[in-house]
Amino acid sequence: MSEGSHHEYIRVGQRIVGYMRVTNSGHIISIWINEPYNKLFLPENSE
């Protein structure tokens, strides 16, 4: 039961500072913030 996913870029002005991995139904899988944190955030499972 694997659902498709895609990336949504996080922008500040013209710069891409990170991206979110989102399922096709809109659930956020992970958030990568490159500037200034260089860190991967995994949201708590809300199920």
C-alpha atoms as a PDB file:
ATOM      1  CA  MET A   1       0.000   0.000   0.000  1.00  0.00           C
ATOM      2  CA  SER A   2       2.631   2.493  -1.045  1.00  0.00           C
ATOM      3  CA  GLU A   3       1.395   5.919  -1.969  1.00  0.00           C
ATOM      4  CA  GLY A   4       3.300   8.180  -4.326  1.00  0.00           C
ATOM      5  CA  SER A   5       5.188  11.176  -3.020  1.00  0.00           C
ATOM      6  CA  HIS A   6       6.918  14.256  -4.357  1.00  0.00           C
ATOM      7  CA  HIS A   7       9.085  17.133  -3.217  1.00  0.00           C
ATOM      8  CA  GLU A   8       7.886  20.653  -2.483  1.00  0.00           C
ATOM      9  CA  TYR A   9      10.651  23.249  -2.394  1.00  0.00           C
ATOM     10  CA  ILE A  10      10.885  25.702   0.500  1.00  0.00           C
ATOM     11  CA  ARG A  11      11.915  29.120  -0.804  1.00  0.00           C
ATOM     12  CA  VAL A  12      13.019  32.352   0.790  1.00  0.00           C
ATOM     13  CA  GLY A  13      12.794  34.918  -1.971  1.00  0.00           C
ATOM     14  CA  GLN A  14      14.596  33.404  -4.950  1.00  0.00           C
ATOM     15  CA  ARG A  15      16.678  30.976  -2.877  1.00  0.00           C
ATOM     16  CA  ILE A  16      15.658  27.392  -2.250  1.00  0.00           C
ATOM     17  CA  VAL A  17      16.511  26.735   1.397  1.00  0.00           C
ATOM     18  CA  GLY A  18      15.101  23.227   1.674  1.00  0.00           C
ATOM     19  CA  TYR A  19      12.318  20.906   0.654  1.00  0.00           C
ATOM     20  CA  MET A  20       9.486  18.816   2.032  1.00  0.00           C
ATOM     21  CA  ARG A  21       8.714  15.266   0.965  1.00  0.00           C
ATOM     22  CA  VAL A  22       4.932  15.050   0.730  1.00  0.00           C
ATOM     23  CA  THR A  23       2.620  12.150  -0.128  1.00  0.00           C
ATOM     24  CA  ASN A  24       0.126  12.639  -2.939  1.00  0.00           C
ATOM     25  CA  SER A  25      -2.655  13.003  -0.347  1.00  0.00           C
ATOM     26  CA  GLY A  26      -0.781  15.838   1.386  1.00  0.00           C
ATOM     27  CA  HIS A  27       0.876  14.200   4.398  1.00  0.00           C
ATOM     28  CA  ILE A  28       4.359  15.532   5.145  1.00  0.00           C
ATOM     29  CA  ILE A  29       6.924  12.708   5.341  1.00  0.00           C
ATOM     30  CA  SER A  30      10.014  14.762   6.066  1.00  0.00           C
ATOM     31  CA  ILE A  31      11.330  18.316   5.892  1.00  0.00           C
ATOM     32  CA  TRP A  32      14.930  19.072   4.935  1.00  0.00           C
ATOM     33  CA  ILE A  33      16.147  22.586   5.780  1.00  0.00           C
ATOM     34  CA  ASN A  34      19.538  23.237   4.217  1.00  0.00           C
ATOM     35  CA  GLU A  35      20.008  26.862   5.281  1.00  0.00           C
ATOM     36  CA  PRO A  36      20.734  27.666   8.035  1.00  0.00           C
ATOM     37  CA  TYR A  37      20.160  24.354   9.833  1.00  0.00           C
ATOM     38  CA  ASN A  38      21.443  21.655   7.430  1.00  0.00           C
ATOM     39  CA  LYS A  39      19.041  19.334   9.215  1.00  0.00           C
ATOM     40  CA  LEU A  40      16.333  16.785   8.470  1.00  0.00           C
ATOM     41  CA  PHE A  41      13.084  17.107  10.410  1.00  0.00           C
ATOM     42  CA  LEU A  42      10.722  14.151  10.724  1.00  0.00           C
ATOM     43  CA  PRO A  43       7.265  15.203  11.879  1.00  0.00           C
ATOM     44  CA  GLU A  44       5.541  13.037  14.473  1.00  0.00           C
ATOM     45  CA  ASN A  45       3.224  10.438  13.005  1.00  0.00           C
ATOM     46  CA  SER A  46      -0.264  11.868  13.445  1.00  0.00           C
ATOM     47  CA  GLU A  47      -2.044   8.574  12.739  1.00  0.00           C
END
